């Protein structure tokens, strides 16, 4: 699904890590961990095609149109933009070929799945951080993308929201989707998934997350 060969990324002329070679198979679930500023979010943007790599290659076994869905961090949004929550969520259907009744049904189902029905007429600025995060996740869930790139999906979620998130992550993986998740919630990751990619200036390492967590030197600065 994802193959990186001699991949480097970061500011022009200043790669954040040594070259990365990595292969992640279809339907895999992988965490991306490391210290603040090490390049985790930038790596997701490079894979998504939002930023260009400094060198190397990425091969993605996905459809050219709509094959990738990327969950942005909340600070990338303008919460003053005059749209309602239901409009934000429905943007996940913009590539859909379904008719209007089917699109409306899928939207309402996503709002129910993420406990957002009672908020659908609210403006973005009227939402709490957790409500906005669930809306962004609901938007992503409406896509048919086979590669899901989630940048800190647990941000602002309460305990029930986190439980809901992981129910969906498990469902997406069971559907054969490939997931790459940037997160600082190491304890939660350790309980829920097997493998992780540790990003560090000294080099990246892909291994079972329990193995990486026993070598705390590369994770001491994780916030």
N, C-alpha and C. Protein backbone atom coordinates (compact mmCIF):
# COMPACT_ATOMS: atom_id res chain seq x y z
N UNK A 1 0.83 -1.20 0.00
CA UNK A 1 0.00 0.00 0.00
C UNK A 1 0.87 1.26 0.00
N UNK A 2 1.84 1.34 0.95
CA UNK A 2 2.75 2.49 1.01
C UNK A 2 4.18 1.97 0.95
N UNK A 3 4.94 2.45 -0.02
CA UNK A 3 6.35 2.11 -0.12
C UNK A 3 7.17 3.38 -0.24
N UNK A 4 8.10 3.57 0.70
CA UNK A 4 9.00 4.72 0.69
C UNK A 4 10.41 4.22 0.41
N UNK A 5 11.08 4.88 -0.53
CA UNK A 5 12.45 4.52 -0.87
C UNK A 5 13.34 5.76 -0.77
N UNK A 6 14.32 5.69 0.15
CA UNK A 6 15.26 6.80 0.35
C UNK A 6 14.54 8.13 0.54
N UNK A 7 13.42 8.10 1.24
CA UNK A 7 12.59 9.29 1.38
C UNK A 7 13.15 10.24 2.43
N UNK A 8 13.24 11.51 2.05
CA UNK A 8 13.59 12.56 3.00
C UNK A 8 12.62 13.72 2.83
N UNK A 9 12.33 14.40 3.92
CA UNK A 9 11.37 15.50 3.90
C UNK A 9 11.76 16.53 4.94
N UNK A 10 11.17 17.72 4.83
CA UNK A 10 11.47 18.80 5.76
C UNK A 10 11.67 20.10 5.00
N UNK A 11 12.16 21.14 5.69
CA UNK A 11 12.43 22.43 5.02
C UNK A 11 13.48 22.25 3.93
N UNK A 12 13.46 23.12 2.94
CA UNK A 12 14.40 23.02 1.82
C UNK A 12 15.84 23.01 2.32
N UNK A 13 16.57 22.00 1.88
CA UNK A 13 17.97 21.88 2.24
C UNK A 13 18.22 21.39 3.65
N UNK A 14 17.15 21.03 4.38
CA UNK A 14 17.36 20.59 5.77
C UNK A 14 16.46 19.39 6.08
N UNK A 15 16.82 18.22 5.58
CA UNK A 15 16.00 17.03 5.86
C UNK A 15 15.93 16.75 7.36
N UNK A 16 14.76 16.32 7.79
CA UNK A 16 14.53 16.10 9.22
C UNK A 16 15.07 14.77 9.71
N UNK A 17 15.23 13.81 8.80
CA UNK A 17 15.74 12.49 9.19
C UNK A 17 16.65 11.96 8.09
N UNK A 18 17.46 10.95 8.39
CA UNK A 18 18.15 10.23 7.32
C UNK A 18 17.13 9.58 6.39
N UNK A 19 17.53 9.11 5.20
CA UNK A 19 16.59 8.52 4.25
C UNK A 19 15.79 7.38 4.87
N UNK A 20 14.49 7.37 4.56
CA UNK A 20 13.57 6.36 5.09
C UNK A 20 13.21 5.35 4.01
N UNK A 21 13.39 4.07 4.33
CA UNK A 21 12.89 2.98 3.52
C UNK A 21 11.81 2.26 4.33
N UNK A 22 10.62 2.14 3.77
CA UNK A 22 9.49 1.60 4.53
C UNK A 22 8.47 0.99 3.59
N UNK A 23 7.90 -0.14 3.99
CA UNK A 23 6.77 -0.71 3.26
C UNK A 23 5.68 -1.06 4.26
N UNK A 24 4.48 -0.53 4.03
CA UNK A 24 3.32 -0.83 4.86
C UNK A 24 2.28 -1.50 3.99
N UNK A 25 1.85 -2.71 4.33
CA UNK A 25 0.89 -3.44 3.49
C UNK A 25 -0.52 -2.91 3.63
N UNK A 26 -1.36 -3.29 2.71
CA UNK A 26 -2.77 -2.94 2.76
C UNK A 26 -3.40 -3.45 4.06
N UNK A 27 -4.31 -2.68 4.61
CA UNK A 27 -5.05 -3.00 5.84
C UNK A 27 -4.18 -2.99 7.08
N UNK A 28 -3.01 -2.38 6.99
CA UNK A 28 -2.16 -2.25 8.18
C UNK A 28 -2.58 -1.03 8.99
N UNK A 29 -2.27 -1.07 10.28
CA UNK A 29 -2.57 0.02 11.21
C UNK A 29 -1.27 0.37 11.91
N UNK A 30 -0.75 1.56 11.64
CA UNK A 30 0.58 1.95 12.10
C UNK A 30 0.52 3.31 12.79
N UNK A 31 1.16 3.41 13.94
CA UNK A 31 1.31 4.70 14.62
C UNK A 31 2.61 5.35 14.16
N UNK A 32 2.60 6.68 14.12
CA UNK A 32 3.82 7.45 13.87
C UNK A 32 4.10 8.23 15.15
N UNK A 33 5.22 7.96 15.78
CA UNK A 33 5.52 8.54 17.08
C UNK A 33 6.89 9.23 17.04
N UNK A 34 7.14 10.08 18.03
CA UNK A 34 8.40 10.78 18.10
C UNK A 34 8.21 12.12 18.79
N UNK A 35 9.31 12.83 18.99
CA UNK A 35 9.27 14.09 19.72
C UNK A 35 8.62 15.19 18.91
N UNK A 36 8.22 16.26 19.60
CA UNK A 36 7.64 17.41 18.91
C UNK A 36 8.64 17.98 17.91
N UNK A 37 8.14 18.27 16.71
CA UNK A 37 8.99 18.88 15.70
C UNK A 37 9.88 17.92 14.93
N UNK A 38 9.72 16.62 15.16
CA UNK A 38 10.60 15.66 14.50
C UNK A 38 10.21 15.39 13.05
N UNK A 39 8.98 15.76 12.66
CA UNK A 39 8.57 15.58 11.28
C UNK A 39 7.44 14.61 11.06
N UNK A 40 6.69 14.26 12.10
CA UNK A 40 5.60 13.28 11.96
C UNK A 40 4.48 13.83 11.07
N UNK A 41 4.00 15.02 11.40
CA UNK A 41 2.92 15.62 10.60
C UNK A 41 3.39 15.90 9.18
N UNK A 42 4.63 16.35 9.04
CA UNK A 42 5.17 16.63 7.71
C UNK A 42 5.23 15.36 6.88
N UNK A 43 5.55 14.23 7.49
CA UNK A 43 5.57 12.97 6.76
C UNK A 43 4.19 12.64 6.21
N UNK A 44 3.15 12.82 7.02
CA UNK A 44 1.79 12.56 6.54
C UNK A 44 1.44 13.48 5.38
N UNK A 45 1.85 14.73 5.45
CA UNK A 45 1.56 15.67 4.36
C UNK A 45 2.29 15.27 3.08
N UNK A 46 3.49 14.74 3.21
CA UNK A 46 4.22 14.28 2.03
C UNK A 46 3.53 13.06 1.42
N UNK A 47 3.10 12.13 2.27
CA UNK A 47 2.39 10.95 1.77
C UNK A 47 1.08 11.35 1.11
N UNK A 48 0.41 12.34 1.68
CA UNK A 48 -0.88 12.81 1.13
C UNK A 48 -0.70 13.61 -0.14
N UNK A 49 0.53 14.03 -0.44
CA UNK A 49 0.77 14.84 -1.63
C UNK A 49 0.59 16.33 -1.40
N UNK A 50 0.43 16.74 -0.14
CA UNK A 50 0.26 18.16 0.19
C UNK A 50 1.60 18.87 0.14
N UNK A 51 2.67 18.18 0.56
CA UNK A 51 4.03 18.72 0.48
C UNK A 51 4.88 17.79 -0.38
N UNK A 52 5.92 18.35 -0.97
CA UNK A 52 6.82 17.57 -1.80
C UNK A 52 7.99 17.06 -0.96
N UNK A 53 8.43 15.83 -1.20
CA UNK A 53 9.62 15.34 -0.49
C UNK A 53 10.87 16.06 -0.98
N UNK A 54 11.89 16.07 -0.15
CA UNK A 54 13.18 16.63 -0.57
C UNK A 54 13.90 15.70 -1.52
N UNK A 55 13.74 14.40 -1.29
CA UNK A 55 14.36 13.39 -2.15
C UNK A 55 13.68 12.06 -1.92
N UNK A 56 13.96 11.12 -2.80
CA UNK A 56 13.39 9.78 -2.66
C UNK A 56 12.05 9.65 -3.34
N UNK A 57 11.41 8.51 -3.13
CA UNK A 57 10.17 8.19 -3.81
C UNK A 57 9.13 7.62 -2.84
N UNK A 58 7.86 7.86 -3.18
CA UNK A 58 6.73 7.25 -2.48
C UNK A 58 5.85 6.58 -3.53
N UNK A 59 5.50 5.33 -3.28
CA UNK A 59 4.55 4.63 -4.14
C UNK A 59 3.33 4.26 -3.30
N UNK A 60 2.15 4.63 -3.79
CA UNK A 60 0.90 4.37 -3.09
C UNK A 60 -0.01 3.55 -3.98
N UNK A 61 -0.49 2.43 -3.46
CA UNK A 61 -1.41 1.59 -4.23
C UNK A 61 -2.85 2.00 -3.94
N UNK A 62 -3.20 3.19 -4.42
CA UNK A 62 -4.55 3.72 -4.22
C UNK A 62 -5.03 4.33 -5.53
N UNK A 63 -6.35 4.53 -5.60
CA UNK A 63 -6.91 5.20 -6.77
C UNK A 63 -6.38 6.63 -6.83
N UNK A 64 -6.24 7.16 -8.04
CA UNK A 64 -5.70 8.51 -8.19
C UNK A 64 -6.66 9.57 -7.66
N UNK A 65 -7.95 9.31 -7.73
CA UNK A 65 -8.94 10.28 -7.27
C UNK A 65 -9.68 9.73 -6.06
N UNK A 66 -9.54 10.42 -4.95
CA UNK A 66 -10.29 10.03 -3.76
C UNK A 66 -9.73 8.83 -3.03
N UNK A 67 -8.50 8.43 -3.33
CA UNK A 67 -7.95 7.25 -2.68
C UNK A 67 -7.35 7.50 -1.32
N UNK A 68 -7.10 8.79 -1.00
CA UNK A 68 -6.46 9.17 0.25
C UNK A 68 -7.35 10.16 1.00
N UNK A 69 -7.51 9.96 2.30
CA UNK A 69 -8.20 10.92 3.16
C UNK A 69 -7.24 11.34 4.27
N UNK A 70 -7.17 12.64 4.50
CA UNK A 70 -6.21 13.21 5.45
C UNK A 70 -6.96 14.01 6.51
N UNK A 71 -6.79 13.62 7.77
CA UNK A 71 -7.38 14.35 8.90
C UNK A 71 -6.43 15.43 9.34
N UNK A 72 -6.81 16.68 9.13
CA UNK A 72 -5.95 17.80 9.51
C UNK A 72 -6.08 18.09 11.00
N UNK A 73 -5.11 18.81 11.54
CA UNK A 73 -5.23 19.29 12.90
C UNK A 73 -6.17 20.50 12.93
N UNK A 74 -6.83 20.70 14.05
CA UNK A 74 -7.85 21.74 14.14
C UNK A 74 -7.33 23.14 13.86
N UNK A 75 -6.08 23.40 14.23
CA UNK A 75 -5.56 24.76 14.04
C UNK A 75 -5.44 25.14 12.56
N UNK A 76 -5.57 24.15 11.68
CA UNK A 76 -5.52 24.45 10.24
C UNK A 76 -6.85 24.99 9.73
N UNK A 77 -7.89 24.95 10.57
CA UNK A 77 -9.22 25.41 10.15
C UNK A 77 -9.49 26.85 10.58
N UNK A 78 -10.27 27.54 9.79
CA UNK A 78 -10.77 28.86 10.16
C UNK A 78 -12.15 28.69 10.79
N UNK A 79 -12.21 28.77 12.10
CA UNK A 79 -13.47 28.52 12.79
C UNK A 79 -14.46 29.67 12.62
N UNK A 80 -14.01 30.76 12.03
CA UNK A 80 -14.93 31.86 11.76
C UNK A 80 -15.62 31.71 10.40
N UNK A 81 -15.21 30.71 9.63
CA UNK A 81 -15.81 30.52 8.31
C UNK A 81 -17.29 30.20 8.49
N UNK A 82 -18.18 30.88 7.76
CA UNK A 82 -19.62 30.80 8.05
C UNK A 82 -20.30 29.56 7.45
N UNK A 83 -19.98 28.41 7.99
CA UNK A 83 -20.69 27.18 7.62
C UNK A 83 -21.16 26.47 8.88
N UNK A 84 -22.13 25.59 8.70
CA UNK A 84 -22.64 24.80 9.81
C UNK A 84 -21.92 23.46 9.88
N UNK A 85 -22.06 22.81 11.02
CA UNK A 85 -21.39 21.53 11.21
C UNK A 85 -21.78 20.53 10.13
N UNK A 86 -23.07 20.48 9.75
CA UNK A 86 -23.49 19.51 8.75
C UNK A 86 -22.83 19.78 7.39
N UNK A 87 -22.53 21.05 7.11
CA UNK A 87 -21.85 21.38 5.85
C UNK A 87 -20.40 20.89 5.87
N UNK A 88 -19.75 21.05 7.02
CA UNK A 88 -18.39 20.56 7.16
C UNK A 88 -18.34 19.04 6.97
N UNK A 89 -19.24 18.33 7.63
CA UNK A 89 -19.25 16.87 7.55
C UNK A 89 -19.59 16.41 6.14
N UNK A 90 -20.56 17.05 5.51
CA UNK A 90 -21.01 16.62 4.18
C UNK A 90 -19.93 16.77 3.12
N UNK A 91 -18.89 17.57 3.41
CA UNK A 91 -17.79 17.72 2.45
C UNK A 91 -17.08 16.38 2.21
N UNK A 92 -17.25 15.43 3.11
CA UNK A 92 -16.68 14.10 2.89
C UNK A 92 -17.30 13.37 1.71
N UNK A 93 -18.43 13.87 1.22
CA UNK A 93 -19.13 13.22 0.11
C UNK A 93 -18.89 13.92 -1.23
N UNK A 94 -17.95 14.84 -1.30
CA UNK A 94 -17.85 15.67 -2.49
C UNK A 94 -17.45 14.89 -3.73
N UNK A 95 -16.82 13.73 -3.57
CA UNK A 95 -16.49 12.90 -4.73
C UNK A 95 -17.54 11.82 -4.98
N UNK A 96 -18.54 11.74 -4.13
CA UNK A 96 -19.52 10.66 -4.22
C UNK A 96 -20.38 10.79 -5.48
N UNK A 97 -20.70 9.64 -6.08
CA UNK A 97 -21.60 9.61 -7.24
C UNK A 97 -23.01 9.21 -6.84
N UNK A 98 -23.29 9.12 -5.55
CA UNK A 98 -24.62 8.76 -5.07
C UNK A 98 -25.61 9.88 -5.40
N UNK A 99 -26.89 9.50 -5.50
CA UNK A 99 -27.94 10.49 -5.67
C UNK A 99 -28.17 11.27 -4.40
N UNK A 100 -28.93 12.35 -4.51
CA UNK A 100 -29.15 13.22 -3.36
C UNK A 100 -29.77 12.50 -2.17
N UNK A 101 -30.80 11.65 -2.34
CA UNK A 101 -31.37 10.96 -1.18
C UNK A 101 -30.36 10.05 -0.48
N UNK A 102 -29.53 9.34 -1.26
CA UNK A 102 -28.53 8.46 -0.66
C UNK A 102 -27.45 9.26 0.06
N UNK A 103 -27.08 10.39 -0.51
CA UNK A 103 -26.09 11.25 0.14
C UNK A 103 -26.63 11.78 1.47
N UNK A 104 -27.89 12.18 1.46
CA UNK A 104 -28.51 12.69 2.69
C UNK A 104 -28.57 11.58 3.75
N UNK A 105 -28.87 10.37 3.32
CA UNK A 105 -28.94 9.25 4.26
C UNK A 105 -27.57 8.95 4.86
N UNK A 106 -26.55 8.96 4.01
CA UNK A 106 -25.20 8.70 4.52
C UNK A 106 -24.74 9.80 5.47
N UNK A 107 -25.08 11.04 5.17
CA UNK A 107 -24.72 12.14 6.06
C UNK A 107 -25.37 11.96 7.41
N UNK A 108 -26.65 11.68 7.43
CA UNK A 108 -27.36 11.52 8.71
C UNK A 108 -26.81 10.34 9.50
N UNK A 109 -26.42 9.28 8.80
CA UNK A 109 -25.84 8.13 9.50
C UNK A 109 -24.51 8.50 10.13
N UNK A 110 -23.69 9.26 9.42
CA UNK A 110 -22.41 9.69 9.98
C UNK A 110 -22.61 10.58 11.19
N UNK A 111 -23.59 11.47 11.12
CA UNK A 111 -23.88 12.33 12.28
C UNK A 111 -24.32 11.50 13.48
N UNK A 112 -25.12 10.46 13.23
CA UNK A 112 -25.53 9.58 14.34
C UNK A 112 -24.33 8.81 14.88
N UNK A 113 -23.50 8.30 13.98
CA UNK A 113 -22.34 7.49 14.39
C UNK A 113 -21.40 8.26 15.30
N UNK A 114 -21.29 9.57 15.07
CA UNK A 114 -20.35 10.38 15.84
C UNK A 114 -21.07 11.27 16.86
N UNK A 115 -22.34 10.97 17.15
CA UNK A 115 -23.11 11.68 18.17
C UNK A 115 -23.13 13.18 17.89
N UNK A 116 -23.49 13.54 16.65
CA UNK A 116 -23.48 14.93 16.23
C UNK A 116 -24.84 15.43 15.73
N UNK A 117 -25.86 14.58 15.78
CA UNK A 117 -27.16 14.96 15.22
C UNK A 117 -27.69 16.25 15.82
N UNK A 118 -27.54 16.41 17.12
CA UNK A 118 -28.10 17.57 17.80
C UNK A 118 -27.28 18.84 17.55
N UNK A 119 -26.14 18.71 16.86
CA UNK A 119 -25.25 19.86 16.64
C UNK A 119 -25.17 20.27 15.17
N UNK A 120 -25.93 19.60 14.31
CA UNK A 120 -25.69 19.79 12.88
C UNK A 120 -25.96 21.20 12.38
N UNK A 121 -26.78 21.97 13.07
CA UNK A 121 -27.06 23.34 12.66
C UNK A 121 -26.14 24.37 13.34
N UNK A 122 -25.21 23.89 14.17
CA UNK A 122 -24.31 24.80 14.88
C UNK A 122 -23.21 25.30 13.94
N UNK A 123 -22.79 26.54 14.15
CA UNK A 123 -21.64 27.07 13.42
C UNK A 123 -20.36 26.48 14.00
N UNK A 124 -19.27 26.56 13.24
CA UNK A 124 -18.00 26.01 13.72
C UNK A 124 -17.53 26.72 14.99
N UNK A 125 -17.74 28.02 15.07
CA UNK A 125 -17.26 28.76 16.24
C UNK A 125 -18.05 28.42 17.50
N UNK A 126 -19.24 27.80 17.34
CA UNK A 126 -20.06 27.44 18.50
C UNK A 126 -19.72 26.06 19.04
N UNK A 127 -18.81 25.35 18.38
CA UNK A 127 -18.48 23.99 18.79
C UNK A 127 -17.33 23.98 19.79
N UNK A 128 -17.36 23.01 20.68
CA UNK A 128 -16.21 22.77 21.54
C UNK A 128 -15.12 22.09 20.71
N UNK A 129 -13.92 22.00 21.27
CA UNK A 129 -12.84 21.32 20.56
C UNK A 129 -13.16 19.87 20.27
N UNK A 130 -13.77 19.18 21.24
CA UNK A 130 -14.11 17.77 21.03
C UNK A 130 -15.20 17.60 19.99
N UNK A 131 -16.18 18.51 19.98
CA UNK A 131 -17.25 18.43 18.98
C UNK A 131 -16.72 18.66 17.58
N UNK A 132 -15.82 19.63 17.45
CA UNK A 132 -15.22 19.89 16.14
C UNK A 132 -14.39 18.70 15.68
N UNK A 133 -13.67 18.07 16.61
CA UNK A 133 -12.85 16.91 16.24
C UNK A 133 -13.73 15.77 15.75
N UNK A 134 -14.86 15.54 16.42
CA UNK A 134 -15.77 14.48 15.96
C UNK A 134 -16.36 14.83 14.60
N UNK A 135 -16.59 16.11 14.34
CA UNK A 135 -17.10 16.52 13.03
C UNK A 135 -16.06 16.25 11.94
N UNK A 136 -14.79 16.52 12.22
CA UNK A 136 -13.74 16.25 11.25
C UNK A 136 -13.61 14.75 10.99
N UNK A 137 -13.75 13.96 12.03
CA UNK A 137 -13.69 12.51 11.88
C UNK A 137 -14.90 11.99 11.12
N UNK A 138 -16.06 12.58 11.37
CA UNK A 138 -17.27 12.19 10.63
C UNK A 138 -17.11 12.51 9.15
N UNK A 139 -16.54 13.65 8.84
CA UNK A 139 -16.28 14.01 7.44
C UNK A 139 -15.38 12.96 6.78
N UNK A 140 -14.31 12.58 7.47
CA UNK A 140 -13.40 11.58 6.93
C UNK A 140 -14.10 10.24 6.73
N UNK A 141 -15.01 9.89 7.65
CA UNK A 141 -15.67 8.59 7.57
C UNK A 141 -16.60 8.49 6.36
N UNK A 142 -17.00 9.63 5.78
CA UNK A 142 -17.88 9.63 4.62
C UNK A 142 -17.12 9.41 3.31
N UNK A 143 -15.81 9.48 3.34
CA UNK A 143 -15.04 9.23 2.13
C UNK A 143 -14.94 7.73 1.89
N UNK A 144 -14.60 7.38 0.65
CA UNK A 144 -14.36 5.98 0.31
C UNK A 144 -12.87 5.68 0.21
N UNK A 145 -12.05 6.54 0.79
CA UNK A 145 -10.60 6.41 0.69
C UNK A 145 -10.12 5.11 1.32
N UNK A 146 -9.13 4.51 0.69
CA UNK A 146 -8.54 3.28 1.21
C UNK A 146 -7.29 3.54 2.05
N UNK A 147 -6.76 4.76 1.98
CA UNK A 147 -5.62 5.15 2.81
C UNK A 147 -6.05 6.32 3.68
N UNK A 148 -6.04 6.12 4.99
CA UNK A 148 -6.48 7.14 5.94
C UNK A 148 -5.26 7.63 6.73
N UNK A 149 -4.99 8.92 6.65
CA UNK A 149 -3.87 9.54 7.33
C UNK A 149 -4.44 10.44 8.43
N UNK A 150 -4.24 10.06 9.68
CA UNK A 150 -4.87 10.75 10.81
C UNK A 150 -3.82 11.47 11.64
N UNK A 151 -3.88 12.79 11.67
CA UNK A 151 -2.90 13.58 12.42
C UNK A 151 -3.50 13.94 13.77
N UNK A 152 -3.05 13.27 14.81
CA UNK A 152 -3.50 13.46 16.19
C UNK A 152 -5.03 13.38 16.29
N UNK A 153 -5.62 12.25 15.92
CA UNK A 153 -7.08 12.14 15.92
C UNK A 153 -7.71 12.20 17.30
N UNK A 154 -6.94 11.94 18.37
CA UNK A 154 -7.50 11.96 19.72
C UNK A 154 -7.56 13.37 20.31
N UNK A 155 -7.03 14.36 19.59
CA UNK A 155 -6.96 15.72 20.13
C UNK A 155 -8.33 16.23 20.54
N UNK A 156 -8.43 16.74 21.76
CA UNK A 156 -9.63 17.38 22.32
C UNK A 156 -10.77 16.41 22.64
N UNK A 157 -10.61 15.12 22.36
CA UNK A 157 -11.68 14.17 22.63
C UNK A 157 -11.70 13.77 24.10
N UNK A 158 -12.91 13.62 24.66
CA UNK A 158 -13.03 13.10 26.01
C UNK A 158 -12.99 11.57 25.96
N UNK A 159 -13.18 10.93 27.09
CA UNK A 159 -13.05 9.47 27.16
C UNK A 159 -14.02 8.75 26.23
N UNK A 160 -15.26 9.22 26.19
CA UNK A 160 -16.24 8.58 25.32
C UNK A 160 -15.90 8.82 23.84
N UNK A 161 -15.38 10.01 23.54
CA UNK A 161 -14.99 10.32 22.17
C UNK A 161 -13.83 9.46 21.71
N UNK A 162 -12.88 9.21 22.61
CA UNK A 162 -11.74 8.36 22.26
C UNK A 162 -12.20 6.93 22.02
N UNK A 163 -13.11 6.44 22.86
CA UNK A 163 -13.65 5.09 22.66
C UNK A 163 -14.35 4.99 21.30
N UNK A 164 -15.10 6.02 20.95
CA UNK A 164 -15.80 6.05 19.66
C UNK A 164 -14.79 6.06 18.51
N UNK A 165 -13.75 6.85 18.65
CA UNK A 165 -12.71 6.90 17.63
C UNK A 165 -12.11 5.53 17.36
N UNK A 166 -11.76 4.83 18.42
CA UNK A 166 -11.10 3.53 18.23
C UNK A 166 -12.06 2.47 17.70
N UNK A 167 -13.33 2.59 18.01
CA UNK A 167 -14.31 1.70 17.37
C UNK A 167 -14.29 1.87 15.86
N UNK A 168 -14.21 3.11 15.41
CA UNK A 168 -14.19 3.38 13.98
C UNK A 168 -12.86 2.96 13.35
N UNK A 169 -11.76 3.20 14.05
CA UNK A 169 -10.45 2.78 13.53
C UNK A 169 -10.43 1.27 13.30
N UNK A 170 -10.94 0.52 14.26
CA UNK A 170 -10.99 -0.94 14.12
C UNK A 170 -11.91 -1.35 12.97
N UNK A 171 -13.02 -0.63 12.80
CA UNK A 171 -13.95 -0.92 11.71
C UNK A 171 -13.30 -0.63 10.36
N UNK A 172 -12.61 0.51 10.27
CA UNK A 172 -11.95 0.86 9.01
C UNK A 172 -10.89 -0.17 8.63
N UNK A 173 -10.12 -0.60 9.62
CA UNK A 173 -9.10 -1.61 9.32
C UNK A 173 -9.74 -2.92 8.88
N UNK A 174 -10.84 -3.32 9.54
CA UNK A 174 -11.55 -4.54 9.17
C UNK A 174 -12.11 -4.46 7.74
N UNK A 175 -12.37 -3.26 7.27
CA UNK A 175 -12.85 -3.05 5.90
C UNK A 175 -11.72 -3.12 4.88
N UNK A 176 -10.50 -3.31 5.35
CA UNK A 176 -9.35 -3.40 4.44
C UNK A 176 -8.65 -2.09 4.18
N UNK A 177 -8.99 -1.06 4.96
CA UNK A 177 -8.33 0.23 4.76
C UNK A 177 -6.98 0.25 5.49
N UNK A 178 -6.08 1.06 4.99
CA UNK A 178 -4.75 1.22 5.59
C UNK A 178 -4.74 2.52 6.37
N UNK A 179 -4.23 2.46 7.61
CA UNK A 179 -4.26 3.65 8.47
C UNK A 179 -2.87 3.97 9.00
N UNK A 180 -2.55 5.27 8.95
CA UNK A 180 -1.33 5.79 9.53
C UNK A 180 -1.74 6.89 10.49
N UNK A 181 -1.35 6.75 11.77
CA UNK A 181 -1.88 7.63 12.82
C UNK A 181 -0.74 8.31 13.57
N UNK A 182 -0.67 9.63 13.49
CA UNK A 182 0.26 10.40 14.31
C UNK A 182 -0.38 10.61 15.68
N UNK A 183 0.34 10.28 16.73
CA UNK A 183 -0.23 10.42 18.07
C UNK A 183 0.87 10.51 19.11
N UNK A 184 0.56 11.24 20.20
CA UNK A 184 1.43 11.27 21.38
C UNK A 184 0.86 10.43 22.51
N UNK A 185 -0.29 9.80 22.29
CA UNK A 185 -0.94 9.01 23.34
C UNK A 185 -0.33 7.61 23.38
N UNK A 186 0.89 7.53 23.89
CA UNK A 186 1.66 6.29 23.81
C UNK A 186 1.00 5.15 24.56
N UNK A 187 0.45 5.41 25.73
CA UNK A 187 -0.18 4.33 26.50
C UNK A 187 -1.37 3.75 25.74
N UNK A 188 -2.16 4.64 25.15
CA UNK A 188 -3.32 4.19 24.37
C UNK A 188 -2.88 3.38 23.16
N UNK A 189 -1.85 3.86 22.46
CA UNK A 189 -1.35 3.14 21.30
C UNK A 189 -0.81 1.77 21.69
N UNK A 190 -0.11 1.72 22.79
CA UNK A 190 0.49 0.47 23.24
C UNK A 190 -0.56 -0.60 23.52
N UNK A 191 -1.72 -0.17 23.96
CA UNK A 191 -2.80 -1.11 24.26
C UNK A 191 -3.57 -1.55 23.02
N UNK A 192 -3.50 -0.75 21.94
CA UNK A 192 -4.45 -0.96 20.85
C UNK A 192 -3.85 -1.41 19.53
N UNK A 193 -2.56 -1.21 19.32
CA UNK A 193 -2.01 -1.63 18.03
C UNK A 193 -0.63 -2.23 18.19
N UNK A 194 -0.16 -2.84 17.10
CA UNK A 194 1.08 -3.60 17.17
C UNK A 194 2.32 -2.85 16.78
N UNK A 195 2.31 -2.15 15.64
CA UNK A 195 3.52 -1.59 15.09
C UNK A 195 3.50 -0.07 15.05
N UNK A 196 4.67 0.51 15.09
CA UNK A 196 4.81 1.96 15.04
C UNK A 196 6.07 2.32 14.27
N UNK A 197 6.04 3.54 13.73
CA UNK A 197 7.22 4.13 13.10
C UNK A 197 7.71 5.24 14.01
N UNK A 198 8.90 5.08 14.56
CA UNK A 198 9.52 6.11 15.38
C UNK A 198 10.32 7.04 14.47
N UNK A 199 9.96 8.32 14.48
CA UNK A 199 10.64 9.32 13.66
C UNK A 199 11.59 10.10 14.57
N UNK A 200 12.86 10.17 14.17
CA UNK A 200 13.86 10.87 14.97
C UNK A 200 14.96 11.39 14.06
N UNK A 201 15.65 12.43 14.52
CA UNK A 201 16.72 13.03 13.73
C UNK A 201 17.84 12.04 13.47
N UNK A 202 18.02 11.08 14.37
CA UNK A 202 19.07 10.07 14.21
C UNK A 202 18.68 8.98 13.22
N UNK A 203 17.38 8.91 12.88
CA UNK A 203 16.91 7.89 11.95
C UNK A 203 15.54 7.38 12.36
N UNK A 204 14.81 6.85 11.40
CA UNK A 204 13.47 6.31 11.66
C UNK A 204 13.57 4.81 11.87
N UNK A 205 12.68 4.31 12.72
CA UNK A 205 12.68 2.88 13.00
C UNK A 205 11.26 2.36 13.05
N UNK A 206 10.98 1.32 12.26
CA UNK A 206 9.68 0.66 12.25
C UNK A 206 9.81 -0.65 13.01
N UNK A 207 8.98 -0.82 14.06
CA UNK A 207 9.08 -1.99 14.92
C UNK A 207 7.81 -2.13 15.74
N UNK A 208 7.63 -3.27 16.42
CA UNK A 208 6.50 -3.37 17.37
C UNK A 208 6.57 -2.24 18.38
N UNK A 209 5.43 -1.64 18.67
CA UNK A 209 5.43 -0.46 19.53
C UNK A 209 5.94 -0.79 20.94
N UNK A 210 5.67 -1.98 21.42
CA UNK A 210 6.18 -2.35 22.76
C UNK A 210 7.70 -2.34 22.78
N UNK A 211 8.30 -2.77 21.68
CA UNK A 211 9.76 -2.76 21.58
C UNK A 211 10.29 -1.33 21.58
N UNK A 212 9.62 -0.45 20.85
CA UNK A 212 10.05 0.95 20.80
C UNK A 212 9.90 1.62 22.16
N UNK A 213 8.84 1.27 22.89
CA UNK A 213 8.60 1.90 24.18
C UNK A 213 9.57 1.44 25.25
N UNK A 214 10.21 0.32 25.05
CA UNK A 214 11.23 -0.12 26.00
C UNK A 214 12.54 0.62 25.81
N UNK A 215 12.69 1.28 24.67
CA UNK A 215 13.89 2.08 24.38
C UNK A 215 13.51 3.55 24.48
N UNK A 216 13.39 4.02 25.70
CA UNK A 216 12.80 5.33 25.94
C UNK A 216 13.65 6.48 25.44
N UNK A 217 14.92 6.23 25.08
CA UNK A 217 15.79 7.33 24.68
C UNK A 217 15.23 8.11 23.50
N UNK A 218 14.60 7.42 22.55
CA UNK A 218 14.07 8.10 21.39
C UNK A 218 12.72 8.73 21.62
N UNK A 219 12.15 8.52 22.81
CA UNK A 219 10.80 9.01 23.08
C UNK A 219 10.74 9.97 24.26
N UNK A 220 11.88 10.26 24.85
CA UNK A 220 11.87 11.06 26.08
C UNK A 220 11.26 12.44 25.89
N UNK A 221 11.39 12.99 24.67
CA UNK A 221 10.89 14.34 24.44
C UNK A 221 9.48 14.37 23.89
N UNK A 222 8.84 13.21 23.80
CA UNK A 222 7.47 13.17 23.31
C UNK A 222 6.57 13.88 24.31
N UNK A 223 5.75 14.81 23.82
CA UNK A 223 4.86 15.56 24.71
C UNK A 223 3.45 15.12 24.53
